[in-house]
Amino acid sequence: MKIAEAKNNVMGQFHNALYLGDVKERVKILEKAGHLPLAYITASVHGLNDVAERLATELGDNMPVLPEGKTPPLLMPPSPVMCGGDWPLIEW
C-alpha cells in the first residue's frame, strides 16, 4: 500500500486496502478521491460511526439513504487455507 501511495496510484491503494481488510483506509482513500457518498456508506456499514457522522455533515442534503431492515455483510479478506510452515526447499 505504501508503494501505491508513493506512486499516487489510488486504485492500487484501494485494492490493497480491500485485500488487507482495512476499512479505515478504504474510507480515507474514498474521501480523499472525492467520493464522499461512497465513503459515508462504507463507514456507516462497517460501524465507523464517528467518521460517518462527520461525512454526513459534509454531505448535508446529498446524503445517500441506506436501506433499512437489512444487515449488510462486512467485506473482509478470506482466512488462509494453510497456515504456518516453511515453503519446500529444493535440494541440489
N, C-alpha and C. Protein backbone atom coordinates (compact mmCIF):
# COMPACT_ATOMS: atom_id res chain seq x y z
N MET A 1 0.83 -1.18 0.00
CA MET A 1 0.00 0.00 0.00
C MET A 1 0.88 1.25 0.00
N LYS A 2 2.01 1.17 0.67
CA LYS A 2 2.93 2.33 0.72
C LYS A 2 3.49 2.63 -0.68
N ILE A 3 3.77 1.57 -1.45
CA ILE A 3 4.31 1.77 -2.79
C ILE A 3 3.27 2.44 -3.67
N ALA A 4 2.02 1.99 -3.59
CA ALA A 4 0.95 2.59 -4.38
C ALA A 4 0.73 4.04 -3.97
N GLU A 5 0.88 4.33 -2.68
CA GLU A 5 0.73 5.71 -2.21
C GLU A 5 1.86 6.59 -2.73
N ALA A 6 3.09 6.05 -2.75
CA ALA A 6 4.23 6.82 -3.25
C ALA A 6 4.10 7.09 -4.75
N LYS A 7 3.49 6.15 -5.48
CA LYS A 7 3.31 6.33 -6.92
C LYS A 7 2.02 7.07 -7.25
N ASN A 8 1.27 7.47 -6.24
CA ASN A 8 0.00 8.16 -6.39
C ASN A 8 -1.00 7.31 -7.18
N ASN A 9 -0.99 6.01 -6.91
CA ASN A 9 -1.87 5.04 -7.56
C ASN A 9 -3.05 4.78 -6.63
N VAL A 10 -4.13 5.52 -6.83
CA VAL A 10 -5.29 5.45 -5.94
C VAL A 10 -5.95 4.09 -6.00
N MET A 11 -6.10 3.53 -7.20
CA MET A 11 -6.73 2.21 -7.31
C MET A 11 -5.88 1.13 -6.66
N GLY A 12 -4.57 1.23 -6.78
CA GLY A 12 -3.69 0.28 -6.11
C GLY A 12 -3.83 0.36 -4.60
N GLN A 13 -3.92 1.58 -4.09
CA GLN A 13 -4.13 1.77 -2.66
C GLN A 13 -5.44 1.14 -2.22
N PHE A 14 -6.51 1.39 -3.00
CA PHE A 14 -7.82 0.88 -2.63
C PHE A 14 -7.85 -0.65 -2.70
N HIS A 15 -7.25 -1.22 -3.73
CA HIS A 15 -7.20 -2.68 -3.84
C HIS A 15 -6.45 -3.29 -2.66
N ASN A 16 -5.33 -2.70 -2.30
CA ASN A 16 -4.58 -3.23 -1.17
C ASN A 16 -5.35 -3.10 0.13
N ALA A 17 -6.09 -2.00 0.29
CA ALA A 17 -6.92 -1.84 1.49
C ALA A 17 -8.03 -2.90 1.51
N LEU A 18 -8.57 -3.24 0.34
CA LEU A 18 -9.57 -4.31 0.27
C LEU A 18 -8.95 -5.65 0.65
N TYR A 19 -7.78 -5.95 0.09
CA TYR A 19 -7.12 -7.23 0.37
C TYR A 19 -6.78 -7.37 1.84
N LEU A 20 -6.37 -6.27 2.47
CA LEU A 20 -5.97 -6.30 3.88
C LEU A 20 -7.16 -6.21 4.83
N GLY A 21 -8.31 -5.83 4.33
CA GLY A 21 -9.48 -5.66 5.19
C GLY A 21 -9.42 -4.41 6.03
N ASP A 22 -8.70 -3.40 5.56
CA ASP A 22 -8.50 -2.16 6.29
C ASP A 22 -9.61 -1.17 5.93
N VAL A 23 -10.69 -1.17 6.71
CA VAL A 23 -11.86 -0.35 6.41
C VAL A 23 -11.55 1.13 6.57
N LYS A 24 -10.82 1.50 7.61
CA LYS A 24 -10.49 2.91 7.84
C LYS A 24 -9.70 3.48 6.67
N GLU A 25 -8.79 2.68 6.13
CA GLU A 25 -8.00 3.13 4.99
C GLU A 25 -8.87 3.28 3.75
N ARG A 26 -9.83 2.36 3.57
CA ARG A 26 -10.75 2.46 2.43
C ARG A 26 -11.55 3.76 2.49
N VAL A 27 -12.06 4.07 3.67
CA VAL A 27 -12.85 5.29 3.84
C VAL A 27 -11.98 6.52 3.57
N LYS A 28 -10.75 6.48 4.08
CA LYS A 28 -9.82 7.60 3.88
C LYS A 28 -9.52 7.80 2.39
N ILE A 29 -9.30 6.71 1.67
CA ILE A 29 -8.99 6.81 0.24
C ILE A 29 -10.19 7.33 -0.54
N LEU A 30 -11.39 6.83 -0.23
CA LEU A 30 -12.59 7.29 -0.91
C LEU A 30 -12.85 8.77 -0.64
N GLU A 31 -12.63 9.18 0.60
CA GLU A 31 -12.84 10.59 0.94
C GLU A 31 -11.83 11.48 0.23
N LYS A 32 -10.58 11.03 0.19
CA LYS A 32 -9.52 11.80 -0.46
C LYS A 32 -9.77 11.92 -1.97
N ALA A 33 -10.38 10.87 -2.57
CA ALA A 33 -10.67 10.87 -4.00
C ALA A 33 -11.93 11.66 -4.34
N GLY A 34 -12.66 12.12 -3.32
CA GLY A 34 -13.84 12.92 -3.55
C GLY A 34 -15.14 12.13 -3.65
N HIS A 35 -15.10 10.85 -3.31
CA HIS A 35 -16.29 10.00 -3.33
C HIS A 35 -16.92 9.98 -1.94
N LEU A 36 -17.42 11.14 -1.51
CA LEU A 36 -17.96 11.25 -0.16
C LEU A 36 -19.18 10.36 0.10
N PRO A 37 -20.14 10.24 -0.84
CA PRO A 37 -21.27 9.34 -0.56
C PRO A 37 -20.83 7.89 -0.35
N LEU A 38 -19.89 7.42 -1.17
CA LEU A 38 -19.40 6.05 -1.02
C LEU A 38 -18.60 5.89 0.27
N ALA A 39 -17.84 6.91 0.64
CA ALA A 39 -17.10 6.87 1.90
C ALA A 39 -18.07 6.83 3.08
N TYR A 40 -19.16 7.60 2.99
CA TYR A 40 -20.16 7.59 4.06
C TYR A 40 -20.81 6.21 4.19
N ILE A 41 -21.19 5.61 3.06
CA ILE A 41 -21.82 4.29 3.10
C ILE A 41 -20.86 3.26 3.68
N THR A 42 -19.61 3.29 3.25
CA THR A 42 -18.62 2.34 3.75
C THR A 42 -18.42 2.50 5.25
N ALA A 43 -18.31 3.74 5.71
CA ALA A 43 -18.10 4.00 7.14
C ALA A 43 -19.30 3.56 7.97
N SER A 44 -20.50 3.85 7.50
CA SER A 44 -21.69 3.51 8.28
C SER A 44 -21.95 2.01 8.30
N VAL A 45 -21.68 1.33 7.19
CA VAL A 45 -21.89 -0.12 7.13
C VAL A 45 -20.91 -0.85 8.05
N HIS A 46 -19.70 -0.35 8.14
CA HIS A 46 -18.67 -1.02 8.93
C HIS A 46 -18.59 -0.52 10.37
N GLY A 47 -19.53 0.31 10.78
CA GLY A 47 -19.60 0.72 12.17
C GLY A 47 -18.66 1.84 12.58
N LEU A 48 -18.14 2.58 11.64
CA LEU A 48 -17.29 3.73 11.95
C LEU A 48 -18.20 4.96 12.11
N ASN A 49 -18.95 4.98 13.21
CA ASN A 49 -20.00 5.98 13.40
C ASN A 49 -19.47 7.41 13.48
N ASP A 50 -18.32 7.62 14.12
CA ASP A 50 -17.79 8.98 14.23
C ASP A 50 -17.41 9.53 12.86
N VAL A 51 -16.82 8.70 12.01
CA VAL A 51 -16.45 9.12 10.66
C VAL A 51 -17.72 9.32 9.83
N ALA A 52 -18.69 8.43 9.99
CA ALA A 52 -19.94 8.54 9.23
C ALA A 52 -20.68 9.82 9.59
N GLU A 53 -20.68 10.19 10.85
CA GLU A 53 -21.34 11.43 11.27
C GLU A 53 -20.65 12.65 10.67
N ARG A 54 -19.32 12.63 10.65
CA ARG A 54 -18.58 13.75 10.08
C ARG A 54 -18.86 13.87 8.59
N LEU A 55 -18.89 12.73 7.89
CA LEU A 55 -19.19 12.74 6.46
C LEU A 55 -20.63 13.16 6.19
N ALA A 56 -21.55 12.78 7.09
CA ALA A 56 -22.95 13.16 6.92
C ALA A 56 -23.11 14.67 7.00
N THR A 57 -22.37 15.32 7.89
CA THR A 57 -22.45 16.78 7.97
C THR A 57 -21.87 17.44 6.73
N GLU A 58 -20.81 16.84 6.17
CA GLU A 58 -20.22 17.39 4.94
C GLU A 58 -21.17 17.22 3.75
N LEU A 59 -21.87 16.08 3.71
CA LEU A 59 -22.77 15.81 2.59
C LEU A 59 -24.05 16.65 2.66
N GLY A 60 -24.53 16.92 3.86
CA GLY A 60 -25.74 17.72 4.02
C GLY A 60 -26.96 17.05 3.41
N ASP A 61 -27.59 17.71 2.44
CA ASP A 61 -28.79 17.17 1.80
C ASP A 61 -28.48 16.08 0.79
N ASN A 62 -27.23 15.93 0.39
CA ASN A 62 -26.85 14.93 -0.61
C ASN A 62 -26.49 13.58 0.00
N MET A 63 -26.85 13.38 1.27
CA MET A 63 -26.50 12.14 1.95
C MET A 63 -27.31 10.98 1.37
N PRO A 64 -26.64 9.87 0.99
CA PRO A 64 -27.37 8.73 0.44
C PRO A 64 -28.20 8.03 1.52
N VAL A 65 -29.31 7.44 1.10
CA VAL A 65 -30.19 6.73 2.02
C VAL A 65 -29.81 5.26 2.03
N LEU A 66 -29.57 4.74 3.22
CA LEU A 66 -29.24 3.34 3.36
C LEU A 66 -30.52 2.52 3.50
N PRO A 67 -30.58 1.34 2.89
CA PRO A 67 -31.79 0.52 3.01
C PRO A 67 -31.97 0.04 4.44
N GLU A 68 -33.20 0.03 4.89
CA GLU A 68 -33.49 -0.40 6.26
C GLU A 68 -33.96 -1.85 6.26
N GLY A 69 -33.78 -2.50 7.38
CA GLY A 69 -34.23 -3.87 7.52
C GLY A 69 -33.23 -4.91 7.03
N LYS A 70 -32.11 -4.47 6.50
CA LYS A 70 -31.09 -5.40 6.02
C LYS A 70 -29.82 -5.19 6.80
N THR A 71 -29.13 -6.27 7.09
CA THR A 71 -27.84 -6.19 7.74
C THR A 71 -26.77 -6.49 6.70
N PRO A 72 -26.05 -5.47 6.24
CA PRO A 72 -25.04 -5.71 5.20
C PRO A 72 -23.85 -6.49 5.77
N PRO A 73 -23.30 -7.40 4.98
CA PRO A 73 -22.14 -8.15 5.45
C PRO A 73 -20.86 -7.32 5.32
N LEU A 74 -19.93 -7.57 6.19
CA LEU A 74 -18.64 -6.90 6.11
C LEU A 74 -17.81 -7.56 5.03
N LEU A 75 -17.10 -6.76 4.26
CA LEU A 75 -16.22 -7.29 3.22
C LEU A 75 -14.83 -7.43 3.82
N MET A 76 -14.49 -8.66 4.18
CA MET A 76 -13.20 -8.94 4.80
C MET A 76 -12.48 -9.99 3.95
N PRO A 77 -11.14 -9.98 3.97
CA PRO A 77 -10.41 -10.96 3.19
C PRO A 77 -10.60 -12.36 3.78
N PRO A 78 -10.56 -13.40 2.94
CA PRO A 78 -10.73 -14.76 3.46
C PRO A 78 -9.54 -15.18 4.30
N SER A 79 -9.78 -16.10 5.22
CA SER A 79 -8.68 -16.62 6.03
C SER A 79 -7.86 -17.59 5.17
N PRO A 80 -6.56 -17.68 5.41
CA PRO A 80 -5.71 -18.54 4.59
C PRO A 80 -6.10 -20.01 4.75
N VAL A 81 -5.94 -20.76 3.67
CA VAL A 81 -6.28 -22.18 3.70
C VAL A 81 -5.24 -22.95 4.51
N MET A 82 -3.99 -22.66 4.29
CA MET A 82 -2.91 -23.33 5.02
C MET A 82 -2.14 -22.29 5.82
N CYS A 83 -1.93 -22.58 7.07
CA CYS A 83 -1.19 -21.66 7.92
C CYS A 83 0.09 -22.32 8.39
N GLY A 84 1.12 -21.52 8.52
CA GLY A 84 2.36 -21.96 9.13
C GLY A 84 3.21 -22.81 8.20
N GLY A 85 4.38 -23.15 8.69
CA GLY A 85 5.29 -23.99 7.94
C GLY A 85 6.09 -23.22 6.92
N ASP A 86 7.22 -23.76 6.54
CA ASP A 86 8.07 -23.14 5.54
C ASP A 86 7.73 -23.71 4.17
N TRP A 87 8.12 -22.96 3.16
CA TRP A 87 7.95 -23.44 1.81
C TRP A 87 8.94 -24.59 1.58
N PRO A 88 8.57 -25.55 0.74
CA PRO A 88 9.52 -26.64 0.48
C PRO A 88 10.78 -26.12 -0.20
N LEU A 89 11.88 -26.68 0.19
CA LEU A 89 13.17 -26.25 -0.38
C LEU A 89 13.66 -27.28 -1.38
N ILE A 90 14.26 -26.80 -2.44
CA ILE A 90 14.85 -27.69 -3.45
C ILE A 90 16.29 -27.95 -3.03
N GLU A 91 16.62 -29.23 -2.92
CA GLU A 91 18.00 -29.58 -2.54
C GLU A 91 18.78 -29.90 -3.79
N TRP A 92 20.00 -29.41 -3.85
CA TRP A 92 20.85 -29.63 -5.02
C TRP A 92 21.73 -30.79 -4.83
